Amino acid sequence: MSNISPYRKAKGFTLLEVLIALAILAIVMVSAIKITADNINNLWYLENKTLAALVASNHAVQLRLAKDKPESLAGWDEMAGRRWYWQIKRSYSDLAGVWRYRIEVFLEGDKQPLISLLSDISKI
């Protein structure tokens, strides 16, 4: 006699196993989406910080090349499709014959500067 059972053993996953697998997949997908969103925000911030540093560096070079050294300046620049507000303020340096300038760059609409650059420039 053969051992043929009227109940065949089912092959496949149970409903509980499928639900657990779907729950794990959902948690992984939500985590992946959050990581991607955070990376996009960080990329945007770093791009703005880099562009602000370029604006500040450009103005530091312009101050070095200028014949007159103003006490303060402010204005707007456009770079990479964004508007940047910059402020330049002069102060005294510990070194003789040198002015110390602080250049702050703001993205349009921001209240805090994205970058603040100190640059020592000869008085001559």
Foldseek 3Di string as FASTA:
>chain_A
DDPDDPDDDDDDDDPVVVVVVVVVVVVVVVVVVVVVVVVVVVVVLVVVLVVQVVVQVVVLVVQQPDPARDQKDWDWDDDPNWIKIKIKHWDPDPDPQKIKIWIFICTPPDPHGSDIDIDIHGRD
